[in-house]
Amino acid sequence: QLPLVESGGGLVQPGGSLRLSCAASGFTLANYVVGWFRQAPGKEREGASCISASGGSTNYADSVKGRFTISRDNAKNTVYLQMNDLEPEDTSVYYCAASIIQRCSSNWPKTTIYTSWGQGTQVTVSS
């Protein structure tokens, strides 16, 4: 059983919205930085967003800035990714990942700093 479970993916029309959830099992997610990544067919996994352990700081890739919002509810052991104004180019499998570092440093898009991953959830943006 993977320690992180993503949900909330699906099929949405361009301009639509989805909210992804990342729930932790067996450990306290509040102690970890959490990143959202995405991977389209034939492409490398790329970082979309990161949130610090406290939730006080966030980072976004330029491609999603202004459209996506990352947040966390540590009482629910869950991190969210609100995705608005979705575009066909956002079609990917979305993964969440946790890192023991406390802040989203300049290395936040690097997959190697994350030690726990979910199984991914498919997001398809199409008319």
Foldseek 3Di string as FASTA:
>chain_A
DAQKAKDWADEAAQQAKIKMKIAGDPDQQLQWKKWKWWDDPPDDIWTAKIAFSPRPDMDGDPVQPPFWDWGDDRVRRMIMIIGGRDDQVPWTWMKMFIANDGGCDPCNTPPVRTDGIHPTDTHGYHD
